[in-house]
Amino acid sequence: MGTAKPPLIGPEQAALLARPISANVATRDATHRPHLTRAVGFRLSADLRRVTVFLSASTSGSVLDDLRANRQIAVVFSEPATHRTVQLKGGDAVIAPAGPDDALHLRAYREAFGAAIGELGYPAQVAQTILEVADADLLVVHFTPQAGFDQTPGPRAGQALATGAR
């Protein structure tokens, strides 16, 4: 029996995704028209093989329609202080209701993100405003990263991540 392929996300990307960073979700429809929404939070599975993004159903209609139609997703994660950015793409996105612990996870994420942008001079209320979502409006999208790219501005921008990249 062969050894399982290592996850696309390596230690360097996992460390970035453990911080309070910004996440935006992109999709496309059947005519390749793009749609974009801000994720109100995210989570990386312990084995680094699955990503969950949290979306507001009321502000993500076109993105959710695209995901239901083709399951294709791209998520850009960016650290406001450094502009370190990684893009992850998947083709198996599944929309699900939020679970009982998700609201607590998002509250902690929102507070940490507020503190992070506070260091840049933005009031914590900015994080509250852009990341607030009612529990009844919260959906999750799970996907397996199948491709990833370093999108940090500079000479490596656009470079594909190697499986298990550092």
Foldseek 3Di string as FASTA:
>chain_A
DDDDFQALDAPVNVVLLVALWWKKKWFAAPVRDIDIDTFLHKDADPSRFKIKTKDFCVVCPVVVVRCVVFVWMKMWTAQVVQRWIKIFIFGHKDKDQDDPCVVVVSVVSLQRNLVSVVVVVDHSVVSCVRNDHDNVRMMMIMGGGPWMAGCRPDDRHGPTRDRNRD
